[in-house]
Amino acid sequence: MWAVLALALCTLVSCTPALEGEDLACAPVEEERLVVYTSHKQEVWWPIVKEFEERTGIWVDVVTGGSSELLQRIAKEEQSPRADVMFGGGVESLASYEDSFAPYISREAEAIPEQFQDPDGLWTPFSSLPVVLIYNTKLVGEGQVTRWSDLLSPYFQGKIAFTDPAVSGSSYTSLVTMICALGGDAEEDLHRFAANLDGRQLESSGDVLTLVADGTDWVGVTLEETALKRIAAGDDIAMVYPTDGTSSVPDGSALVRGAPHEENAKRFLDFTISRDVQQLVAEQSYRRPVRRDVEPAEELADLEELLLVDYNVDWASQNRENLLMSWAFFLGGEEEA
């Protein structure tokens, strides 16, 4: 009886977030383990990791955090990698840490449209995430916010919810999307937008929805998935796809270079884009699957009907550091020399 109870306990704790220095006595041998760093919320990663464990018998340690935080951690651990997989984060953020990852072309890649693939296999896509604008329905009238240029209006100065793009991968994607949509000088557009934030940005992407819903801010920038989730929950917000263009850049996963459990990591990457998991993504969230043979939820707008900007992932990753430096400079309120 005690043996059965011990086994049950191991099953329950195996895919819980790992604690620093934790070494459970019932953990399996190294060949049957996997360490996943993820920026996804638990409601996203938990059912996937749990199902992976049950199907493969592999014990998964999960470490959670913000995408930038975890990417920096992976880079610091380069000489002695602890993680096997980075699960989550915009693909341009993953690409900007290319030295930390090893190329891998998934055996499921044939089912993924070319627009969602990296030809070099540096990252594996997970879901497609359009950027949207939101507004408080009690404070802003319908039609007052329809495009990115509206966020540069003095009318909304100091009333815009936007997350620090150095902390949030999705916020960085939003910033590049805005630059592409406005189509002007990137530095000038960054400066104008930063000025309209009144030197204020948020530390968590979840705060964007909360502050717009409670009226602290009137408008905000977020992802389609999170906006629809809060609208369904009854929050006083509405969502619009910018008429001057949005993006639908995938978030993804990547194999850590020198991963201690490389083969298990590859199996996990394959699993994240398997038909079963992608069907789960479509049915249990407002995320868009990246497989051709899985349809998105009916309530999602047809992607072909949206105006999509020409979002260059390589450019976004290669210019990430420079853009973030300019953004920090402009947001600090310093005058240009």
C-alpha atoms as a PDB file:
ATOM      1  CA  MET A   1       0.000   0.000   0.000  1.00  0.00           C
ATOM      2  CA  TRP A   2       2.809   2.426   0.881  1.00  0.00           C
ATOM      3  CA  ALA A   3       4.515   1.713  -2.436  1.00  0.00           C
ATOM      4  CA  VAL A   4       1.303   2.566  -4.300  1.00  0.00           C
ATOM      5  CA  LEU A   5       0.899   5.806  -2.342  1.00  0.00           C
ATOM      6  CA  ALA A   6       4.500   6.806  -3.030  1.00  0.00           C
ATOM      7  CA  LEU A   7       4.035   6.212  -6.747  1.00  0.00           C
ATOM      8  CA  ALA A   8       0.847   8.286  -6.724  1.00  0.00           C
ATOM      9  CA  LEU A   9       2.664  11.124  -4.982  1.00  0.00           C
ATOM     10  CA  CYS A  10       5.389  11.121  -7.630  1.00  0.00           C
ATOM     11  CA  THR A  11       2.780  11.322 -10.373  1.00  0.00           C
ATOM     12  CA  LEU A  12       1.139  14.316  -8.707  1.00  0.00           C
ATOM     13  CA  VAL A  13       4.275  16.362  -8.161  1.00  0.00           C
ATOM     14  CA  SER A  14       6.249  15.559 -11.292  1.00  0.00           C
ATOM     15  CA  CYS A  15       5.003  18.420 -13.465  1.00  0.00           C
ATOM     16  CA  THR A  16       4.669  21.048 -10.755  1.00  0.00           C
ATOM     17  CA  PRO A  17       6.971  24.094 -10.989  1.00  0.00           C
ATOM     18  CA  ALA A  18      10.469  23.143  -9.891  1.00  0.00           C
ATOM     19  CA  LEU A  19      11.906  24.613  -6.702  1.00  0.00           C
ATOM     20  CA  GLU A  20      15.518  25.761  -6.582  1.00  0.00           C
ATOM     21  CA  GLY A  21      17.719  22.983  -5.216  1.00  0.00           C
ATOM     22  CA  GLU A  22      14.828  20.552  -5.048  1.00  0.00           C
ATOM     23  CA  ASP A  23      15.762  16.885  -5.433  1.00  0.00           C
ATOM     24  CA  LEU A  24      12.801  14.605  -4.806  1.00  0.00           C
ATOM     25  CA  ALA A  25      13.661  11.103  -3.653  1.00  0.00           C
ATOM     26  CA  CYS A  26      11.145   9.592  -6.057  1.00  0.00           C
ATOM     27  CA  ALA A  27      12.606  11.315  -9.139  1.00  0.00           C
ATOM     28  CA  PRO A  28      13.567   8.926 -11.963  1.00  0.00           C
ATOM     29  CA  VAL A  29      16.987   8.409 -13.529  1.00  0.00           C
ATOM     30  CA  GLU A  30      18.431  11.181 -15.728  1.00  0.00           C
ATOM     31  CA  GLU A  31      17.495   9.408 -18.973  1.00  0.00           C
ATOM     32  CA  GLU A  32      13.820   9.782 -18.062  1.00  0.00           C
ATOM     33  CA  ARG A  33      13.848  13.469 -17.137  1.00  0.00           C
ATOM     34  CA  LEU A  34      13.222  16.792 -18.851  1.00  0.00           C
ATOM     35  CA  VAL A  35      13.614  20.395 -17.650  1.00  0.00           C
ATOM     36  CA  VAL A  36      11.319  22.966 -19.272  1.00  0.00           C
ATOM     37  CA  TYR A  37      11.622  26.714 -18.789  1.00  0.00           C
ATOM     38  CA  THR A  38       8.312  28.353 -19.709  1.00  0.00           C
ATOM     39  CA  SER A  39       6.847  31.842 -19.830  1.00  0.00           C
ATOM     40  CA  HIS A  40       3.356  30.444 -20.418  1.00  0.00           C
ATOM     41  CA  LYS A  41       0.697  30.718 -17.758  1.00  0.00           C
ATOM     42  CA  GLN A  42      -0.013  27.496 -15.895  1.00  0.00           C
ATOM     43  CA  GLU A  43      -3.375  27.078 -17.634  1.00  0.00           C
ATOM     44  CA  VAL A  44      -1.446  26.746 -20.920  1.00  0.00           C
ATOM     45  CA  TRP A  45       1.511  24.558 -19.967  1.00  0.00           C
ATOM     46  CA  TRP A  46      -0.061  22.325 -17.320  1.00  0.00           C
ATOM     47  CA  PRO A  47      -2.350  20.132 -19.501  1.00  0.00           C
ATOM     48  CA  ILE A  48       0.358  19.780 -22.164  1.00  0.00           C
ATOM     49  CA  VAL A  49       3.109  18.788 -19.747  1.00  0.00           C
ATOM     50  CA  LYS A  50       0.791  16.459 -17.843  1.00  0.00           C
ATOM     51  CA  GLU A  51      -0.268  14.663 -21.038  1.00  0.00           C
ATOM     52  CA  PHE A  52       3.353  14.428 -22.218  1.00  0.00           C
ATOM     53  CA  GLU A  53       4.344  12.781 -18.943  1.00  0.00           C
ATOM     54  CA  GLU A  54       1.498  10.295 -19.121  1.00  0.00           C
ATOM     55  CA  ARG A  55       2.236   9.314 -22.719  1.00  0.00           C
ATOM     56  CA  THR A  56       6.015   9.065 -22.452  1.00  0.00           C
ATOM     57  CA  GLY A  57       6.773   8.291 -18.813  1.00  0.00           C
ATOM     58  CA  ILE A  58       9.251  11.180 -18.816  1.00  0.00           C
ATOM     59  CA  TRP A  59       9.430  13.230 -15.602  1.00  0.00           C
ATOM     60  CA  VAL A  60       9.163  16.968 -16.355  1.00  0.00           C
ATOM     61  CA  ASP A  61      10.522  19.727 -14.102  1.00  0.00           C
ATOM     62  CA  VAL A  62       8.906  23.069 -14.975  1.00  0.00           C
ATOM     63  CA  VAL A  63      10.484  26.430 -14.169  1.00  0.00           C
ATOM     64  CA  THR A  64       8.261  29.465 -14.809  1.00  0.00           C
ATOM     65  CA  GLY A  65       9.017  33.141 -15.327  1.00  0.00           C
ATOM     66  CA  GLY A  66       8.896  36.004 -17.802  1.00  0.00           C
ATOM     67  CA  SER A  67      10.295  35.299 -21.261  1.00  0.00           C
ATOM     68  CA  SER A  68      13.124  37.845 -21.000  1.00  0.00           C
ATOM     69  CA  GLU A  69      14.024  36.665 -17.504  1.00  0.00           C
ATOM     70  CA  LEU A  70      14.229  33.013 -18.585  1.00  0.00           C
ATOM     71  CA  LEU A  71      16.155  33.767 -21.778  1.00  0.00           C
ATOM     72  CA  GLN A  72      18.725  35.699 -19.780  1.00  0.00           C
ATOM     73  CA  ARG A  73      18.953  32.809 -17.349  1.00  0.00           C
ATOM     74  CA  ILE A  74      19.539  30.315 -20.171  1.00  0.00           C
ATOM     75  CA  ALA A  75      22.318  32.542 -21.530  1.00  0.00           C
ATOM     76  CA  LYS A  76      23.980  32.728 -18.094  1.00  0.00           C
ATOM     77  CA  GLU A  77      23.806  28.937 -17.737  1.00  0.00           C
ATOM     78  CA  GLU A  78      25.483  28.429 -21.119  1.00  0.00           C
ATOM     79  CA  GLN A  79      28.568  26.708 -19.692  1.00  0.00           C
ATOM     80  CA  SER A  80      26.466  24.278 -17.683  1.00  0.00           C
ATOM     81  CA  PRO A  81      22.916  24.200 -19.077  1.00  0.00           C
ATOM     82  CA  ARG A  82      20.134  23.227 -16.711  1.00  0.00           C
ATOM     83  CA  ALA A  83      17.174  23.695 -19.057  1.00  0.00           C
ATOM     84  CA  ASP A  84      16.426  21.448 -22.027  1.00  0.00           C
ATOM     85  CA  VAL A  85      13.644  23.484 -23.647  1.00  0.00           C
ATOM     86  CA  MET A  86      12.477  27.082 -23.646  1.00  0.00           C
ATOM     87  CA  PHE A  87       8.686  26.851 -24.044  1.00  0.00           C
ATOM     88  CA  GLY A  88       7.127  30.238 -24.813  1.00  0.00           C
ATOM     89  CA  GLY A  89       8.168  33.697 -25.907  1.00  0.00           C
ATOM     90  CA  GLY A  90       7.877  35.477 -29.227  1.00  0.00           C
ATOM     91  CA  VAL A  91      10.016  33.806 -31.869  1.00  0.00           C
ATOM     92  CA  GLU A  92      11.965  37.015 -32.504  1.00  0.00           C
ATOM     93  CA  SER A  93      12.966  37.006 -28.834  1.00  0.00           C
ATOM     94  CA  LEU A  94      14.101  33.385 -29.156  1.00  0.00           C
ATOM     95  CA  ALA A  95      16.032  34.270 -32.316  1.00  0.00           C
ATOM     96  CA  SER A  96      17.809  37.133 -30.551  1.00  0.00           C
ATOM     97  CA  TYR A  97      19.341  34.489 -28.227  1.00  0.00           C
ATOM     98  CA  GLU A  98      20.352  32.195 -31.080  1.00  0.00           C
ATOM     99  CA  ASP A  99      23.710  31.315 -29.478  1.00  0.00           C
ATOM    100  CA  SER A 100      21.814  29.705 -26.607  1.00  0.00           C
ATOM    101  CA  PHE A 101      19.815  27.320 -28.801  1.00  0.00           C
ATOM    102  CA  ALA A 102      20.508  24.402 -31.123  1.00  0.00           C
ATOM    103  CA  PRO A 103      18.664  23.964 -34.445  1.00  0.00           C
ATOM    104  CA  TYR A 104      16.053  21.228 -34.621  1.00  0.00           C
ATOM    105  CA  ILE A 105      13.540  20.507 -37.397  1.00  0.00           C
ATOM    106  CA  SER A 106      10.552  18.746 -35.875  1.00  0.00           C
ATOM    107  CA  ARG A 107       9.196  15.608 -37.499  1.00  0.00           C
ATOM    108  CA  GLU A 108       5.809  17.400 -37.432  1.00  0.00           C
ATOM    109  CA  ALA A 109       7.139  20.314 -39.507  1.00  0.00           C
ATOM    110  CA  GLU A 110       5.406  19.240 -42.730  1.00  0.00           C
ATOM    111  CA  ALA A 111       2.030  20.106 -41.171  1.00  0.00           C
ATOM    112  CA  ILE A 112       3.106  23.699 -40.422  1.00  0.00           C
ATOM    113  CA  PRO A 113       2.640  26.469 -43.042  1.00  0.00           C
ATOM    114  CA  GLU A 114       5.865  28.089 -44.204  1.00  0.00           C
ATOM    115  CA  GLN A 115       4.888  31.454 -42.706  1.00  0.00           C
ATOM    116  CA  PHE A 116       5.117  29.925 -39.215  1.00  0.00           C
ATOM    117  CA  GLN A 117       8.452  28.143 -39.698  1.00  0.00           C
ATOM    118  CA  ASP A 118      12.079  29.059 -39.224  1.00  0.00           C
ATOM    119  CA  PRO A 119      14.006  27.648 -42.200  1.00  0.00           C
ATOM    120  CA  ASP A 120      17.040  27.094 -39.963  1.00  0.00           C
ATOM    121  CA  GLY A 121      15.035  25.271 -37.303  1.00  0.00           C
ATOM    122  CA  LEU A 122      16.194  27.533 -34.489  1.00  0.00           C
ATOM    123  CA  TRP A 123      12.670  27.636 -33.041  1.00  0.00           C
ATOM    124  CA  THR A 124       9.506  25.557 -33.259  1.00  0.00           C
ATOM    125  CA  PRO A 125       6.197  27.511 -33.486  1.00  0.00           C
ATOM    126  CA  PHE A 126       3.440  26.882 -30.947  1.00  0.00           C
ATOM    127  CA  SER A 127       0.550  29.267 -31.623  1.00  0.00           C
ATOM    128  CA  SER A 128      -0.255  32.328 -33.712  1.00  0.00           C
ATOM    129  CA  LEU A 129      -0.970  35.495 -31.714  1.00  0.00           C
ATOM    130  CA  PRO A 130      -2.397  38.627 -33.398  1.00  0.00           C
ATOM    131  CA  VAL A 131      -1.726  41.957 -31.666  1.00  0.00           C
ATOM    132  CA  VAL A 132      -4.838  43.991 -30.831  1.00  0.00           C
ATOM    133  CA  LEU A 133      -5.895  47.282 -29.253  1.00  0.00           C
ATOM    134  CA  ILE A 134      -8.376  47.389 -26.382  1.00  0.00           C
ATOM    135  CA  TYR A 135     -10.367  50.173 -24.756  1.00  0.00           C
ATOM    136  CA  ASN A 136     -12.652  50.704 -21.772  1.00  0.00           C
ATOM    137  CA  THR A 137     -16.237  50.699 -23.088  1.00  0.00           C
ATOM    138  CA  LYS A 138     -17.423  53.130 -20.396  1.00  0.00           C
ATOM    139  CA  LEU A 139     -14.757  55.738 -21.091  1.00  0.00           C
ATOM    140  CA  VAL A 140     -14.081  55.437 -24.820  1.00  0.00           C
ATOM    141  CA  GLY A 141     -16.695  55.404 -27.543  1.00  0.00           C
ATOM    142  CA  GLU A 142     -16.827  52.903 -30.377  1.00  0.00           C
ATOM    143  CA  GLY A 143     -14.704  54.131 -33.267  1.00  0.00           C
ATOM    144  CA  GLN A 144     -12.435  56.355 -31.146  1.00  0.00           C
ATOM    145  CA  VAL A 145      -9.693  53.726 -31.253  1.00  0.00           C
ATOM    146  CA  THR A 146      -9.287  51.902 -34.546  1.00  0.00           C
ATOM    147  CA  ARG A 147      -5.619  52.202 -35.507  1.00  0.00           C
ATOM    148  CA  TRP A 148      -2.098  52.571 -34.140  1.00  0.00           C
ATOM    149  CA  SER A 149      -1.956  56.257 -34.993  1.00  0.00           C
ATOM    150  CA  ASP A 150      -4.806  56.851 -32.489  1.00  0.00           C
ATOM    151  CA  LEU A 151      -2.360  55.962 -29.705  1.00  0.00           C
ATOM    152  CA  LEU A 152      -0.262  59.000 -30.675  1.00  0.00           C
ATOM    153  CA  SER A 153      -3.162  61.397 -30.083  1.00  0.00           C
ATOM    154  CA  PRO A 154      -2.794  63.877 -27.174  1.00  0.00           C
ATOM    155  CA  TYR A 155      -6.319  62.820 -26.162  1.00  0.00           C
ATOM    156  CA  PHE A 156      -4.950  59.533 -24.802  1.00  0.00           C
ATOM    157  CA  GLN A 157      -1.737  60.903 -23.301  1.00  0.00           C
ATOM    158  CA  GLY A 158      -1.030  59.225 -19.974  1.00  0.00           C
ATOM    159  CA  LYS A 159      -4.013  56.889 -20.394  1.00  0.00           C
ATOM    160  CA  ILE A 160      -2.362  54.066 -22.365  1.00  0.00           C
ATOM    161  CA  ALA A 161      -1.567  50.670 -20.816  1.00  0.00           C
ATOM    162  CA  PHE A 162       1.615  49.234 -22.316  1.00  0.00           C
ATOM    163  CA  THR A 163       4.079  46.699 -20.905  1.00  0.00           C
ATOM    164  CA  ASP A 164       7.837  47.185 -20.821  1.00  0.00           C
ATOM    165  CA  PRO A 165       9.067  45.497 -24.047  1.00  0.00           C
ATOM    166  CA  ALA A 166      12.336  44.619 -22.337  1.00  0.00           C
ATOM    167  CA  VAL A 167      10.347  42.422 -19.942  1.00  0.00           C
ATOM    168  CA  SER A 168       7.522  41.125 -22.116  1.00  0.00           C
ATOM    169  CA  GLY A 169       8.159  39.362 -25.426  1.00  0.00           C
ATOM    170  CA  SER A 170       4.600  40.047 -26.589  1.00  0.00           C
ATOM    171  CA  SER A 171       5.059  43.748 -25.846  1.00  0.00           C
ATOM    172  CA  TYR A 172       8.208  43.822 -27.963  1.00  0.00           C
ATOM    173  CA  THR A 173       6.258  42.171 -30.795  1.00  0.00           C
ATOM    174  CA  SER A 174       3.602  44.870 -30.372  1.00  0.00           C
ATOM    175  CA  LEU A 175       6.191  47.641 -30.537  1.00  0.00           C
ATOM    176  CA  VAL A 176       7.676  46.318 -33.786  1.00  0.00           C
ATOM    177  CA  THR A 177       4.172  45.790 -35.188  1.00  0.00           C
ATOM    178  CA  MET A 178       3.350  49.444 -34.465  1.00  0.00           C
ATOM    179  CA  ILE A 179       6.542  50.595 -36.195  1.00  0.00           C
ATOM    180  CA  CYS A 180       5.668  48.505 -39.267  1.00  0.00           C
ATOM    181  CA  ALA A 181       2.059  49.732 -39.330  1.00  0.00           C
ATOM    182  CA  LEU A 182       2.876  53.435 -38.964  1.00  0.00           C
ATOM    183  CA  GLY A 183       5.427  53.126 -41.752  1.00  0.00           C
ATOM    184  CA  GLY A 184       7.396  56.225 -40.799  1.00  0.00           C
ATOM    185  CA  ASP A 185      10.791  56.740 -39.235  1.00  0.00           C
ATOM    186  CA  ALA A 186      11.133  54.084 -36.521  1.00  0.00           C
ATOM    187  CA  GLU A 187      13.027  56.306 -34.080  1.00  0.00           C
ATOM    188  CA  GLU A 188      10.553  59.146 -34.474  1.00  0.00           C
ATOM    189  CA  ASP A 189       7.537  56.856 -33.992  1.00  0.00           C
ATOM    190  CA  LEU A 190       9.115  55.313 -30.894  1.00  0.00           C
ATOM    191  CA  HIS A 191       9.739  58.789 -29.490  1.00  0.00           C
ATOM    192  CA  ARG A 192       6.155  59.936 -30.103  1.00  0.00           C
ATOM    193  CA  PHE A 193       4.637  56.823 -28.567  1.00  0.00           C
ATOM    194  CA  ALA A 194       6.930  56.962 -25.525  1.00  0.00           C
ATOM    195  CA  ALA A 195       5.989  60.600 -24.991  1.00  0.00           C
ATOM    196  CA  ASN A 196       2.300  59.719 -25.039  1.00  0.00           C
ATOM    197  CA  LEU A 197       2.862  57.145 -22.269  1.00  0.00           C
ATOM    198  CA  ASP A 198       4.040  60.002 -20.026  1.00  0.00           C
ATOM    199  CA  GLY A 199       7.110  57.983 -19.008  1.00  0.00           C
ATOM    200  CA  ARG A 200       5.000  55.120 -17.642  1.00  0.00           C
ATOM    201  CA  GLN A 201       5.030  51.443 -18.595  1.00  0.00           C
ATOM    202  CA  LEU A 202       3.890  48.250 -16.887  1.00  0.00           C
ATOM    203  CA  GLU A 203       5.920  45.319 -15.593  1.00  0.00           C
ATOM    204  CA  SER A 204       3.359  42.624 -16.411  1.00  0.00           C
ATOM    205  CA  SER A 205       1.375  42.071 -19.598  1.00  0.00           C
ATOM    206  CA  GLY A 206      -1.602  40.949 -17.497  1.00  0.00           C
ATOM    207  CA  ASP A 207      -1.783  44.422 -15.947  1.00  0.00           C
ATOM    208  CA  VAL A 208      -2.771  45.912 -19.317  1.00  0.00           C
ATOM    209  CA  LEU A 209      -6.182  44.201 -19.196  1.00  0.00           C
ATOM    210  CA  THR A 210      -6.716  44.950 -15.513  1.00  0.00           C
ATOM    211  CA  LEU A 211      -5.941  48.676 -15.750  1.00  0.00           C
ATOM    212  CA  VAL A 212      -8.068  49.207 -18.845  1.00  0.00           C
ATOM    213  CA  ALA A 213     -10.955  47.217 -17.369  1.00  0.00           C
ATOM    214  CA  ASP A 214     -10.985  49.233 -14.121  1.00  0.00           C
ATOM    215  CA  GLY A 215     -10.650  52.564 -15.921  1.00  0.00           C
ATOM    216  CA  THR A 216      -7.191  53.488 -14.674  1.00  0.00           C
ATOM    217  CA  ASP A 217      -6.182  53.524 -18.339  1.00  0.00           C
ATOM    218  CA  TRP A 218      -8.521  54.072 -21.247  1.00  0.00           C
ATOM    219  CA  VAL A 219      -6.748  52.098 -23.968  1.00  0.00           C
ATOM    220  CA  GLY A 220      -4.125  49.385 -24.137  1.00  0.00           C
ATOM    221  CA  VAL A 221      -2.063  47.075 -26.334  1.00  0.00           C
ATOM    222  CA  THR A 222      -2.268  43.319 -25.848  1.00  0.00           C
ATOM    223  CA  LEU A 223      -2.753  39.997 -27.625  1.00  0.00           C
ATOM    224  CA  GLU A 224      -5.988  38.691 -29.114  1.00  0.00           C
ATOM    225  CA  GLU A 225      -6.023  35.674 -26.802  1.00  0.00           C
ATOM    226  CA  THR A 226      -5.868  37.599 -23.531  1.00  0.00           C
ATOM    227  CA  ALA A 227      -8.306  40.264 -24.707  1.00  0.00           C
ATOM    228  CA  LEU A 228     -10.969  37.733 -25.728  1.00  0.00           C
ATOM    229  CA  LYS A 229     -10.516  35.852 -22.479  1.00  0.00           C
ATOM    230  CA  ARG A 230     -11.237  38.960 -20.394  1.00  0.00           C
ATOM    231  CA  ILE A 231     -14.130  40.031 -22.616  1.00  0.00           C
ATOM    232  CA  ALA A 232     -15.679  36.577 -22.144  1.00  0.00           C
ATOM    233  CA  ALA A 233     -15.251  37.026 -18.384  1.00  0.00           C
ATOM    234  CA  GLY A 234     -17.415  40.160 -18.536  1.00  0.00           C
ATOM    235  CA  ASP A 235     -14.814  42.938 -18.241  1.00  0.00           C
ATOM    236  CA  ASP A 236     -15.743  46.404 -19.540  1.00  0.00           C
ATOM    237  CA  ILE A 237     -13.377  46.258 -22.495  1.00  0.00           C
ATOM    238  CA  ALA A 238     -13.700  45.977 -26.273  1.00  0.00           C
ATOM    239  CA  MET A 239     -11.102  44.794 -28.765  1.00  0.00           C
ATOM    240  CA  VAL A 240     -10.167  46.025 -32.232  1.00  0.00           C
ATOM    241  CA  TYR A 241      -7.728  44.779 -34.847  1.00  0.00           C
ATOM    242  CA  PRO A 242      -5.772  47.887 -35.940  1.00  0.00           C
ATOM    243  CA  THR A 243      -6.980  48.948 -39.364  1.00  0.00           C
ATOM    244  CA  ASP A 244      -3.510  50.218 -40.270  1.00  0.00           C
ATOM    245  CA  GLY A 245      -2.147  46.717 -39.750  1.00  0.00           C
ATOM    246  CA  THR A 246      -1.426  44.085 -37.140  1.00  0.00           C
ATOM    247  CA  SER A 247       0.825  41.037 -36.937  1.00  0.00           C
ATOM    248  CA  SER A 248       0.259  37.392 -36.138  1.00  0.00           C
ATOM    249  CA  VAL A 249       3.743  36.342 -35.102  1.00  0.00           C
ATOM    250  CA  PRO A 250       3.964  32.913 -33.479  1.00  0.00           C
ATOM    251  CA  ASP A 251       5.280  32.253 -30.044  1.00  0.00           C
ATOM    252  CA  GLY A 252       7.438  29.180 -29.923  1.00  0.00           C
ATOM    253  CA  SER A 253       9.826  26.769 -28.273  1.00  0.00           C
ATOM    254  CA  ALA A 254      13.525  26.085 -28.704  1.00  0.00           C
ATOM    255  CA  LEU A 255      16.045  23.372 -27.900  1.00  0.00           C
ATOM    256  CA  VAL A 256      18.703  24.612 -25.475  1.00  0.00           C
ATOM    257  CA  ARG A 257      22.226  24.167 -26.811  1.00  0.00           C
ATOM    258  CA  GLY A 258      23.940  21.421 -24.804  1.00  0.00           C
ATOM    259  CA  ALA A 259      20.628  20.300 -23.252  1.00  0.00           C
ATOM    260  CA  PRO A 260      21.246  17.590 -20.614  1.00  0.00           C
ATOM    261  CA  HIS A 261      18.261  15.584 -21.904  1.00  0.00           C
ATOM    262  CA  GLU A 262      18.383  16.395 -25.615  1.00  0.00           C
ATOM    263  CA  GLU A 263      16.382  13.451 -26.972  1.00  0.00           C
ATOM    264  CA  ASN A 264      13.582  14.014 -24.467  1.00  0.00           C
ATOM    265  CA  ALA A 265      13.608  17.706 -25.402  1.00  0.00           C
ATOM    266  CA  LYS A 266      13.121  16.838 -29.077  1.00  0.00           C
ATOM    267  CA  ARG A 267      10.209  14.572 -28.193  1.00  0.00           C
ATOM    268  CA  PHE A 268       8.622  17.438 -26.261  1.00  0.00           C
ATOM    269  CA  LEU A 269       9.081  19.891 -29.142  1.00  0.00           C
ATOM    270  CA  ASP A 270       7.417  17.383 -31.490  1.00  0.00           C
ATOM    271  CA  PHE A 271       4.607  16.976 -28.979  1.00  0.00           C
ATOM    272  CA  THR A 272       3.846  20.721 -28.753  1.00  0.00           C
ATOM    273  CA  ILE A 273       2.938  20.825 -32.454  1.00  0.00           C
ATOM    274  CA  SER A 274       1.355  17.394 -32.684  1.00  0.00           C
ATOM    275  CA  ARG A 275      -2.224  17.355 -33.932  1.00  0.00           C
ATOM    276  CA  ASP A 276      -3.568  16.380 -30.500  1.00  0.00           C
ATOM    277  CA  VAL A 277      -1.900  19.285 -28.702  1.00  0.00           C
ATOM    278  CA  GLN A 278      -2.760  21.796 -31.408  1.00  0.00           C
ATOM    279  CA  GLN A 279      -6.382  20.644 -31.229  1.00  0.00           C
ATOM    280  CA  LEU A 280      -6.241  21.200 -27.475  1.00  0.00           C
ATOM    281  CA  VAL A 281      -4.893  24.716 -28.092  1.00  0.00           C
ATOM    282  CA  ALA A 282      -7.817  25.469 -30.420  1.00  0.00           C
ATOM    283  CA  GLU A 283     -10.481  24.035 -28.113  1.00  0.00           C
ATOM    284  CA  GLN A 284      -9.353  25.264 -24.705  1.00  0.00           C
ATOM    285  CA  SER A 285      -7.992  28.746 -25.412  1.00  0.00           C
ATOM    286  CA  TYR A 286      -8.277  31.679 -27.786  1.00  0.00           C
ATOM    287  CA  ARG A 287      -4.885  30.832 -29.267  1.00  0.00           C
ATOM    288  CA  ARG A 288      -4.610  30.052 -32.953  1.00  0.00           C
ATOM    289  CA  PRO A 289      -3.039  26.674 -33.812  1.00  0.00           C
ATOM    290  CA  VAL A 290      -0.172  26.631 -36.308  1.00  0.00           C
ATOM    291  CA  ARG A 291      -1.041  23.369 -38.061  1.00  0.00           C
ATOM    292  CA  ARG A 292      -2.834  23.270 -41.422  1.00  0.00           C
ATOM    293  CA  ASP A 293      -5.075  20.418 -40.306  1.00  0.00           C
ATOM    294  CA  VAL A 294      -6.410  22.124 -37.149  1.00  0.00           C
ATOM    295  CA  GLU A 295      -9.021  24.892 -37.402  1.00  0.00           C
ATOM    296  CA  PRO A 296      -9.018  27.833 -34.970  1.00  0.00           C
ATOM    297  CA  ALA A 297     -12.025  28.494 -32.737  1.00  0.00           C
ATOM    298  CA  GLU A 298     -15.103  29.782 -34.587  1.00  0.00           C
ATOM    299  CA  GLU A 299     -15.215  33.043 -32.606  1.00  0.00           C
ATOM    300  CA  LEU A 300     -11.825  34.142 -33.949  1.00  0.00           C
ATOM    301  CA  ALA A 301     -11.723  36.485 -36.930  1.00  0.00           C
ATOM    302  CA  ASP A 302     -10.525  35.023 -40.210  1.00  0.00           C
ATOM    303  CA  LEU A 303      -6.813  35.822 -40.375  1.00  0.00           C
ATOM    304  CA  GLU A 304      -7.072  36.384 -44.128  1.00  0.00           C
ATOM    305  CA  GLU A 305      -9.526  39.236 -43.528  1.00  0.00           C
ATOM    306  CA  LEU A 306      -7.091  41.159 -41.328  1.00  0.00           C
ATOM    307  CA  LEU A 307      -4.546  43.617 -42.673  1.00  0.00           C
ATOM    308  CA  LEU A 308      -1.207  42.097 -41.690  1.00  0.00           C
ATOM    309  CA  VAL A 309       1.997  44.129 -41.713  1.00  0.00           C
ATOM    310  CA  ASP A 310       5.158  42.790 -43.297  1.00  0.00           C
ATOM    311  CA  TYR A 311       6.677  41.643 -40.022  1.00  0.00           C
ATOM    312  CA  ASN A 312      10.270  40.519 -40.526  1.00  0.00           C
ATOM    313  CA  VAL A 313      11.250  38.207 -37.668  1.00  0.00           C
ATOM    314  CA  ASP A 314      14.953  38.345 -38.576  1.00  0.00           C
ATOM    315  CA  TRP A 315      14.954  42.154 -38.562  1.00  0.00           C
ATOM    316  CA  ALA A 316      13.069  42.236 -35.255  1.00  0.00           C
ATOM    317  CA  SER A 317      15.533  39.858 -33.607  1.00  0.00           C
ATOM    318  CA  GLN A 318      18.676  41.494 -35.034  1.00  0.00           C
ATOM    319  CA  ASN A 319      17.551  44.998 -34.035  1.00  0.00           C
ATOM    320  CA  ARG A 320      16.063  44.077 -30.667  1.00  0.00           C
ATOM    321  CA  GLU A 321      18.881  45.467 -28.540  1.00  0.00           C
ATOM    322  CA  ASN A 322      19.061  48.767 -30.435  1.00  0.00           C
ATOM    323  CA  LEU A 323      15.290  49.256 -30.391  1.00  0.00           C
ATOM    324  CA  LEU A 324      15.096  48.562 -26.667  1.00  0.00           C
ATOM    325  CA  MET A 325      17.944  50.999 -25.983  1.00  0.00           C
ATOM    326  CA  SER A 326      16.168  53.709 -27.980  1.00  0.00           C
ATOM    327  CA  TRP A 327      12.900  52.921 -26.232  1.00  0.00           C
ATOM    328  CA  ALA A 328      14.482  53.174 -22.777  1.00  0.00           C
ATOM    329  CA  PHE A 329      16.103  56.486 -23.748  1.00  0.00           C
ATOM    330  CA  PHE A 330      12.868  58.001 -25.051  1.00  0.00           C
ATOM    331  CA  LEU A 331      10.778  56.718 -22.164  1.00  0.00           C
ATOM    332  CA  GLY A 332      13.217  58.247 -19.710  1.00  0.00           C
ATOM    333  CA  GLY A 333      12.104  61.659 -20.913  1.00  0.00           C
ATOM    334  CA  GLU A 334      15.606  62.753 -21.841  1.00  0.00           C
ATOM    335  CA  GLU A 335      15.986  65.263 -24.618  1.00  0.00           C
ATOM    336  CA  GLU A 336      17.825  64.179 -27.706  1.00  0.00           C
ATOM    337  CA  ALA A 337      21.243  65.717 -28.167  1.00  0.00           C
END
